[in-house]
Amino acid sequence: MRARYRFAEWTLSAMTGMTLRYIGKCLTCVERSVDTADPDDGQVWCLRHAGATGHTSYEMTAFQYFDATLTDPRHSHTARGVGTCAPGS
């Protein structure tokens, strides 16, 4: 049996209405803030956590949600399953 590969072009675009999100994380105990649209909220969490625990190392992570869209409609019937991810990946 011979394998046949078909490649399709996809594009990513930011999800409508979804803003950049921020999470503050303590690098000592790995506790983290809730995700928020305001980076100041993440930083305030880090400062409060530092005051409560004495921990001094933190990380601020920013992330955004995206939609993937097939850009070449000629391959829409052959691209099914291309680029799929296992749950949790």
C-alpha atoms as a PDB file:
ATOM      1  CA  MET A   1       0.000   0.000   0.000  1.00  0.00           C
ATOM      2  CA  ARG A   2       1.357   3.426  -0.952  1.00  0.00           C
ATOM      3  CA  ALA A   3       0.848   6.484   1.205  1.00  0.00           C
ATOM      4  CA  ARG A   4      -0.611   9.572  -0.398  1.00  0.00           C
ATOM      5  CA  TYR A   5      -0.093  12.952   1.171  1.00  0.00           C
ATOM      6  CA  ARG A   6      -2.095  16.029   0.346  1.00  0.00           C
ATOM      7  CA  PHE A   7      -1.176  19.360   1.746  1.00  0.00           C
ATOM      8  CA  ALA A   8      -3.618  22.143   2.425  1.00  0.00           C
ATOM      9  CA  GLU A   9      -3.074  25.746   3.435  1.00  0.00           C
ATOM     10  CA  TRP A  10      -4.555  26.974   6.688  1.00  0.00           C
ATOM     11  CA  THR A  11      -4.517  30.398   8.277  1.00  0.00           C
ATOM     12  CA  LEU A  12      -4.938  31.478  11.891  1.00  0.00           C
ATOM     13  CA  SER A  13      -7.003  34.472  12.936  1.00  0.00           C
ATOM     14  CA  ALA A  14      -7.757  35.818  16.376  1.00  0.00           C
ATOM     15  CA  MET A  15     -11.182  34.753  17.638  1.00  0.00           C
ATOM     16  CA  THR A  16     -13.703  37.573  17.472  1.00  0.00           C
ATOM     17  CA  GLY A  17     -14.352  39.101  20.865  1.00  0.00           C
ATOM     18  CA  MET A  18     -11.471  37.247  22.539  1.00  0.00           C
ATOM     19  CA  THR A  19      -8.849  39.623  23.891  1.00  0.00           C
ATOM     20  CA  LEU A  20      -5.299  38.875  24.879  1.00  0.00           C
ATOM     21  CA  ARG A  21      -5.335  37.075  28.269  1.00  0.00           C
ATOM     22  CA  TYR A  22      -2.759  37.206  31.083  1.00  0.00           C
ATOM     23  CA  ILE A  23      -1.792  34.849  33.908  1.00  0.00           C
ATOM     24  CA  GLY A  24       0.625  35.585  36.754  1.00  0.00           C
ATOM     25  CA  LYS A  25       2.466  32.528  38.113  1.00  0.00           C
ATOM     26  CA  CYS A  26       4.685  32.034  41.144  1.00  0.00           C
ATOM     27  CA  LEU A  27       7.871  30.199  40.126  1.00  0.00           C
ATOM     28  CA  THR A  28       8.463  29.026  43.693  1.00  0.00           C
ATOM     29  CA  CYS A  29       5.220  27.153  44.362  1.00  0.00           C
ATOM     30  CA  VAL A  30       3.655  27.228  40.849  1.00  0.00           C
ATOM     31  CA  GLU A  31       0.442  28.798  42.173  1.00  0.00           C
ATOM     32  CA  ARG A  32      -1.153  31.079  39.577  1.00  0.00           C
ATOM     33  CA  SER A  33      -3.691  33.820  39.169  1.00  0.00           C
ATOM     34  CA  VAL A  34      -6.903  33.432  37.229  1.00  0.00           C
ATOM     35  CA  ASP A  35      -6.562  34.496  33.603  1.00  0.00           C
ATOM     36  CA  THR A  36      -7.551  38.098  33.011  1.00  0.00           C
ATOM     37  CA  ALA A  37      -7.784  40.601  30.167  1.00  0.00           C
ATOM     38  CA  ASP A  38      -5.933  43.192  32.260  1.00  0.00           C
ATOM     39  CA  PRO A  39      -2.199  42.585  32.782  1.00  0.00           C
ATOM     40  CA  ASP A  40      -2.321  44.783  35.885  1.00  0.00           C
ATOM     41  CA  ASP A  41      -4.603  42.233  37.573  1.00  0.00           C
ATOM     42  CA  GLY A  42      -1.988  39.517  37.036  1.00  0.00           C
ATOM     43  CA  GLN A  43       0.747  41.736  38.419  1.00  0.00           C
ATOM     44  CA  VAL A  44      -1.329  42.685  41.464  1.00  0.00           C
ATOM     45  CA  TRP A  45      -1.889  38.972  42.141  1.00  0.00           C
ATOM     46  CA  CYS A  46       1.900  38.438  42.030  1.00  0.00           C
ATOM     47  CA  LEU A  47       2.474  41.289  44.489  1.00  0.00           C
ATOM     48  CA  ARG A  48      -0.206  40.035  46.888  1.00  0.00           C
ATOM     49  CA  HIS A  49       1.177  36.503  46.673  1.00  0.00           C
ATOM     50  CA  ALA A  50       4.674  37.844  47.381  1.00  0.00           C
ATOM     51  CA  GLY A  51       3.362  39.693  50.427  1.00  0.00           C
ATOM     52  CA  ALA A  52       1.530  36.623  51.722  1.00  0.00           C
ATOM     53  CA  THR A  53       4.288  34.064  51.082  1.00  0.00           C
ATOM     54  CA  GLY A  54       7.617  35.879  50.734  1.00  0.00           C
ATOM     55  CA  HIS A  55       8.106  34.231  47.329  1.00  0.00           C
ATOM     56  CA  THR A  56      10.101  36.446  44.975  1.00  0.00           C
ATOM     57  CA  SER A  57      10.101  34.874  41.474  1.00  0.00           C
ATOM     58  CA  TYR A  58       7.168  35.294  39.081  1.00  0.00           C
ATOM     59  CA  GLU A  59       6.221  34.869  35.452  1.00  0.00           C
ATOM     60  CA  MET A  60       3.572  36.701  33.453  1.00  0.00           C
ATOM     61  CA  THR A  61       2.172  34.753  30.507  1.00  0.00           C
ATOM     62  CA  ALA A  62       0.040  36.259  27.740  1.00  0.00           C
ATOM     63  CA  PHE A  63      -2.029  34.148  25.349  1.00  0.00           C
ATOM     64  CA  GLN A  64      -4.693  34.536  22.719  1.00  0.00           C
ATOM     65  CA  TYR A  65      -7.300  32.218  21.196  1.00  0.00           C
ATOM     66  CA  PHE A  66      -7.275  31.552  17.443  1.00  0.00           C
ATOM     67  CA  ASP A  67      -9.473  29.960  14.794  1.00  0.00           C
ATOM     68  CA  ALA A  68      -7.892  27.891  12.013  1.00  0.00           C
ATOM     69  CA  THR A  69      -9.465  28.332   8.575  1.00  0.00           C
ATOM     70  CA  LEU A  70      -8.779  26.335   5.445  1.00  0.00           C
ATOM     71  CA  THR A  71      -7.648  28.885   2.837  1.00  0.00           C
ATOM     72  CA  ASP A  72      -7.657  26.639  -0.257  1.00  0.00           C
ATOM     73  CA  PRO A  73     -11.217  25.384  -0.857  1.00  0.00           C
ATOM     74  CA  ARG A  74      -9.986  22.941  -3.549  1.00  0.00           C
ATOM     75  CA  HIS A  75      -8.589  20.796  -0.752  1.00  0.00           C
ATOM     76  CA  SER A  76     -11.473  21.051   1.707  1.00  0.00           C
ATOM     77  CA  HIS A  77     -12.588  17.455   1.040  1.00  0.00           C
ATOM     78  CA  THR A  78      -9.032  16.063   1.282  1.00  0.00           C
ATOM     79  CA  ALA A  79      -7.887  18.056   4.299  1.00  0.00           C
ATOM     80  CA  ARG A  80     -10.183  16.377   6.780  1.00  0.00           C
ATOM     81  CA  GLY A  81      -8.032  15.142   9.622  1.00  0.00           C
ATOM     82  CA  VAL A  82      -4.958  17.059   8.445  1.00  0.00           C
ATOM     83  CA  GLY A  83      -3.503  18.921  11.354  1.00  0.00           C
ATOM     84  CA  THR A  84      -5.827  17.397  13.938  1.00  0.00           C
ATOM     85  CA  CYS A  85      -4.579  17.194  17.487  1.00  0.00           C
ATOM     86  CA  ALA A  86      -5.100  14.564  20.108  1.00  0.00           C
ATOM     87  CA  PRO A  87      -7.187  15.715  23.089  1.00  0.00           C
ATOM     88  CA  GLY A  88      -5.078  17.719  25.497  1.00  0.00           C
ATOM     89  CA  SER A  89      -2.340  18.577  22.976  1.00  0.00           C
END
